[in-house]
PDB file of N, CA and C in Angstrom:
ATOM      1  N   UNK A   1     -15.759   6.994 -24.237  1.00  0.00           N
ATOM      2  CA  UNK A   1     -15.667   6.293 -22.942  1.00  0.00           C
ATOM      3  C   UNK A   1     -14.211   5.965 -22.597  1.00  0.00           C
ATOM      4  N   UNK A   2     -13.928   5.883 -21.342  1.00  0.00           N
ATOM      5  CA  UNK A   2     -12.565   5.587 -20.917  1.00  0.00           C
ATOM      6  C   UNK A   2     -12.160   4.184 -21.356  1.00  0.00           C
ATOM      7  N   UNK A   3     -13.076   3.250 -21.180  1.00  0.00           N
ATOM      8  CA  UNK A   3     -12.771   1.850 -21.561  1.00  0.00           C
ATOM      9  C   UNK A   3     -12.454   1.787 -23.058  1.00  0.00           C
ATOM     10  N   UNK A   4     -13.240   2.452 -23.842  1.00  0.00           N
ATOM     11  CA  UNK A   4     -13.030   2.446 -25.302  1.00  0.00           C
ATOM     12  C   UNK A   4     -11.639   2.985 -25.618  1.00  0.00           C
ATOM     13  N   UNK A   5     -11.303   4.088 -24.992  1.00  0.00           N
ATOM     14  CA  UNK A   5     -10.002   4.718 -25.230  1.00  0.00           C
ATOM     15  C   UNK A   5      -8.895   3.761 -24.787  1.00  0.00           C
ATOM     16  N   UNK A   6      -9.090   3.144 -23.649  1.00  0.00           N
ATOM     17  CA  UNK A   6      -8.082   2.214 -23.132  1.00  0.00           C
ATOM     18  C   UNK A   6      -7.943   1.027 -24.081  1.00  0.00           C
ATOM     19  N   UNK A   7      -9.072   0.525 -24.518  1.00  0.00           N
ATOM     20  CA  UNK A   7      -9.059  -0.638 -25.425  1.00  0.00           C
ATOM     21  C   UNK A   7      -8.295  -0.287 -26.696  1.00  0.00           C
ATOM     22  N   UNK A   8      -8.589   0.870 -27.248  1.00  0.00           N
ATOM     23  CA  UNK A   8      -7.915   1.290 -28.476  1.00  0.00           C
ATOM     24  C   UNK A   8      -6.417   1.428 -28.242  1.00  0.00           C
ATOM     25  N   UNK A   9      -6.069   2.045 -27.118  1.00  0.00           N
ATOM     26  CA  UNK A   9      -4.655   2.226 -26.791  1.00  0.00           C
ATOM     27  C   UNK A   9      -3.965   0.865 -26.660  1.00  0.00           C
ATOM     28  N   UNK A  10      -4.632  -0.045 -25.983  1.00  0.00           N
ATOM     29  CA  UNK A  10      -4.060  -1.387 -25.792  1.00  0.00           C
ATOM     30  C   UNK A  10      -3.911  -2.085 -27.134  1.00  0.00           C
ATOM     31  N   UNK A  11      -4.944  -2.028 -27.946  1.00  0.00           N
ATOM     32  CA  UNK A  11      -4.895  -2.676 -29.267  1.00  0.00           C
ATOM     33  C   UNK A  11      -3.749  -2.095 -30.083  1.00  0.00           C
ATOM     34  N   UNK A  12      -3.625  -0.785 -30.026  1.00  0.00           N
ATOM     35  CA  UNK A  12      -2.563  -0.116 -30.779  1.00  0.00           C
ATOM     36  C   UNK A  12      -1.202  -0.579 -30.265  1.00  0.00           C
ATOM     37  N   UNK A  13      -1.090  -0.624 -28.963  1.00  0.00           N
ATOM     38  CA  UNK A  13       0.181  -1.042 -28.362  1.00  0.00           C
ATOM     39  C   UNK A  13       0.521  -2.472 -28.778  1.00  0.00           C
ATOM     40  N   UNK A  14      -0.475  -3.338 -28.709  1.00  0.00           N
ATOM     41  CA  UNK A  14      -0.253  -4.748 -29.080  1.00  0.00           C
ATOM     42  C   UNK A  14       0.132  -4.835 -30.555  1.00  0.00           C
ATOM     43  N   UNK A  15      -0.576  -4.087 -31.376  1.00  0.00           N
ATOM     44  CA  UNK A  15      -0.302  -4.113 -32.820  1.00  0.00           C
ATOM     45  C   UNK A  15       1.124  -3.619 -33.074  1.00  0.00           C
ATOM     46  N   UNK A  16       1.484  -2.542 -32.385  1.00  0.00           N
ATOM     47  CA  UNK A  16       2.827  -1.980 -32.560  1.00  0.00           C
ATOM     48  C   UNK A  16       3.879  -2.993 -32.117  1.00  0.00           C
ATOM     49  N   UNK A  17       3.664  -3.584 -30.972  1.00  0.00           N
ATOM     50  CA  UNK A  17       4.626  -4.562 -30.451  1.00  0.00           C
ATOM     51  C   UNK A  17       4.740  -5.732 -31.420  1.00  0.00           C
ATOM     52  N   UNK A  18       3.631  -6.196 -31.921  1.00  0.00           N
ATOM     53  CA  UNK A  18       3.649  -7.336 -32.839  1.00  0.00           C
ATOM     54  C   UNK A  18       4.388  -6.937 -34.121  1.00  0.00           C
ATOM     55  N   UNK A  19       4.081  -5.761 -34.612  1.00  0.00           N
ATOM     56  CA  UNK A  19       4.715  -5.302 -35.847  1.00  0.00           C
ATOM     57  C   UNK A  19       6.211  -5.133 -35.618  1.00  0.00           C
ATOM     58  N   UNK A  20       6.568  -4.589 -34.455  1.00  0.00           N
ATOM     59  CA  UNK A  20       7.976  -4.364 -34.130  1.00  0.00           C
ATOM     60  C   UNK A  20       8.696  -5.701 -34.041  1.00  0.00           C
ATOM     61  N   UNK A  21       8.049  -6.648 -33.435  1.00  0.00           N
ATOM     62  CA  UNK A  21       8.654  -7.968 -33.275  1.00  0.00           C
ATOM     63  C   UNK A  21       8.607  -8.670 -34.619  1.00  0.00           C
TER      64      UNK A  21
END
């Protein structure tokens, strides 16, 4: 599903940003 893909992408982005920070 598009929402699922978007959610995963967002989670990944947030995780990456948090890890980077």
